[in-house]
Amino acid sequence: MVGGKAIGRDVHFYNFAEPDKALGGLILNPSVTGKNFLSMLGILIVASAPPARPL
């Protein structure tokens, strides 16, 4: 991530091939539920197989 944008974020996303470079992140707060977080990951991660169970 560029510059100080990562400051304050407590959840960070990384590319496995380049673990030293953060792709993004978010500030976790009570409004981010498990369902919301998994939905965000569904937008970030493109999978070739359908999910094992519906969200």
C-alpha atoms as a PDB file:
ATOM      1  CA  MET A   1       0.000   0.000   0.000  1.00  0.00           C
ATOM      2  CA  VAL A   2       1.169   3.499  -0.707  1.00  0.00           C
ATOM      3  CA  GLY A   3       2.661   5.639   2.034  1.00  0.00           C
ATOM      4  CA  GLY A   4       0.795   5.979   5.296  1.00  0.00           C
ATOM      5  CA  LYS A   5      -2.537   4.622   4.076  1.00  0.00           C
ATOM      6  CA  ALA A   6      -1.988   1.428   6.073  1.00  0.00           C
ATOM      7  CA  ILE A   7      -1.679   3.327   9.360  1.00  0.00           C
ATOM      8  CA  GLY A   8      -4.618   2.495  11.589  1.00  0.00           C
ATOM      9  CA  ARG A   9      -5.719  -0.530   9.599  1.00  0.00           C
ATOM     10  CA  ASP A  10      -5.730  -3.733  11.583  1.00  0.00           C
ATOM     11  CA  VAL A  11      -6.654  -6.174   8.797  1.00  0.00           C
ATOM     12  CA  HIS A  12      -4.284  -6.347   5.824  1.00  0.00           C
ATOM     13  CA  PHE A  13      -4.443  -8.289   2.543  1.00  0.00           C
ATOM     14  CA  TYR A  14      -1.282  -9.646   0.908  1.00  0.00           C
ATOM     15  CA  ASN A  15      -0.419 -11.403  -2.332  1.00  0.00           C
ATOM     16  CA  PHE A  16       1.044 -14.816  -1.485  1.00  0.00           C
ATOM     17  CA  ALA A  17       3.655 -14.398  -4.245  1.00  0.00           C
ATOM     18  CA  GLU A  18       4.803 -11.039  -2.792  1.00  0.00           C
ATOM     19  CA  PRO A  19       4.252 -11.229   0.976  1.00  0.00           C
ATOM     20  CA  ASP A  20       6.139  -7.992   1.650  1.00  0.00           C
ATOM     21  CA  LYS A  21       3.647  -5.900  -0.378  1.00  0.00           C
ATOM     22  CA  ALA A  22       0.242  -5.233   1.177  1.00  0.00           C
ATOM     23  CA  LEU A  23      -2.601  -5.072  -1.365  1.00  0.00           C
ATOM     24  CA  GLY A  24      -5.072  -3.385   0.942  1.00  0.00           C
ATOM     25  CA  GLY A  25      -6.789  -3.555   4.257  1.00  0.00           C
ATOM     26  CA  LEU A  26      -9.505  -2.235   6.499  1.00  0.00           C
ATOM     27  CA  ILE A  27     -10.144  -0.922   9.962  1.00  0.00           C
ATOM     28  CA  LEU A  28     -12.051  -3.605  11.792  1.00  0.00           C
ATOM     29  CA  ASN A  29     -14.953  -2.311  13.874  1.00  0.00           C
ATOM     30  CA  PRO A  30     -18.142  -3.811  15.357  1.00  0.00           C
ATOM     31  CA  SER A  31     -20.141  -3.088  12.186  1.00  0.00           C
ATOM     32  CA  VAL A  32     -17.957  -5.525  10.197  1.00  0.00           C
ATOM     33  CA  THR A  33     -19.585  -8.891  10.789  1.00  0.00           C
ATOM     34  CA  GLY A  34     -18.228 -12.260   9.751  1.00  0.00           C
ATOM     35  CA  LYS A  35     -20.740 -12.335   6.898  1.00  0.00           C
ATOM     36  CA  ASN A  36     -19.671  -8.860   5.710  1.00  0.00           C
ATOM     37  CA  PHE A  37     -16.004  -9.815   5.867  1.00  0.00           C
ATOM     38  CA  LEU A  38     -16.539 -13.022   3.873  1.00  0.00           C
ATOM     39  CA  SER A  39     -18.512 -11.029   1.312  1.00  0.00           C
ATOM     40  CA  MET A  40     -15.562  -8.610   0.964  1.00  0.00           C
ATOM     41  CA  LEU A  41     -13.211 -11.542   0.478  1.00  0.00           C
ATOM     42  CA  GLY A  42     -15.548 -12.897  -2.212  1.00  0.00           C
ATOM     43  CA  ILE A  43     -15.042  -9.645  -4.115  1.00  0.00           C
ATOM     44  CA  LEU A  44     -11.252  -9.764  -3.704  1.00  0.00           C
ATOM     45  CA  ILE A  45     -10.701 -13.461  -4.368  1.00  0.00           C
ATOM     46  CA  VAL A  46     -11.663 -15.056  -7.674  1.00  0.00           C
ATOM     47  CA  ALA A  47     -12.170 -18.783  -7.196  1.00  0.00           C
ATOM     48  CA  SER A  48     -12.660 -21.355  -9.941  1.00  0.00           C
ATOM     49  CA  ALA A  49     -14.964 -23.514  -7.799  1.00  0.00           C
ATOM     50  CA  PRO A  50     -18.254 -22.565  -6.117  1.00  0.00           C
ATOM     51  CA  PRO A  51     -18.194 -22.042  -2.341  1.00  0.00           C
ATOM     52  CA  ALA A  52     -18.562 -25.144  -0.193  1.00  0.00           C
ATOM     53  CA  ARG A  53     -21.602 -23.673   1.535  1.00  0.00           C
ATOM     54  CA  PRO A  54     -23.698 -20.559   0.928  1.00  0.00           C
ATOM     55  CA  LEU A  55     -22.977 -17.445   2.984  1.00  0.00           C
END
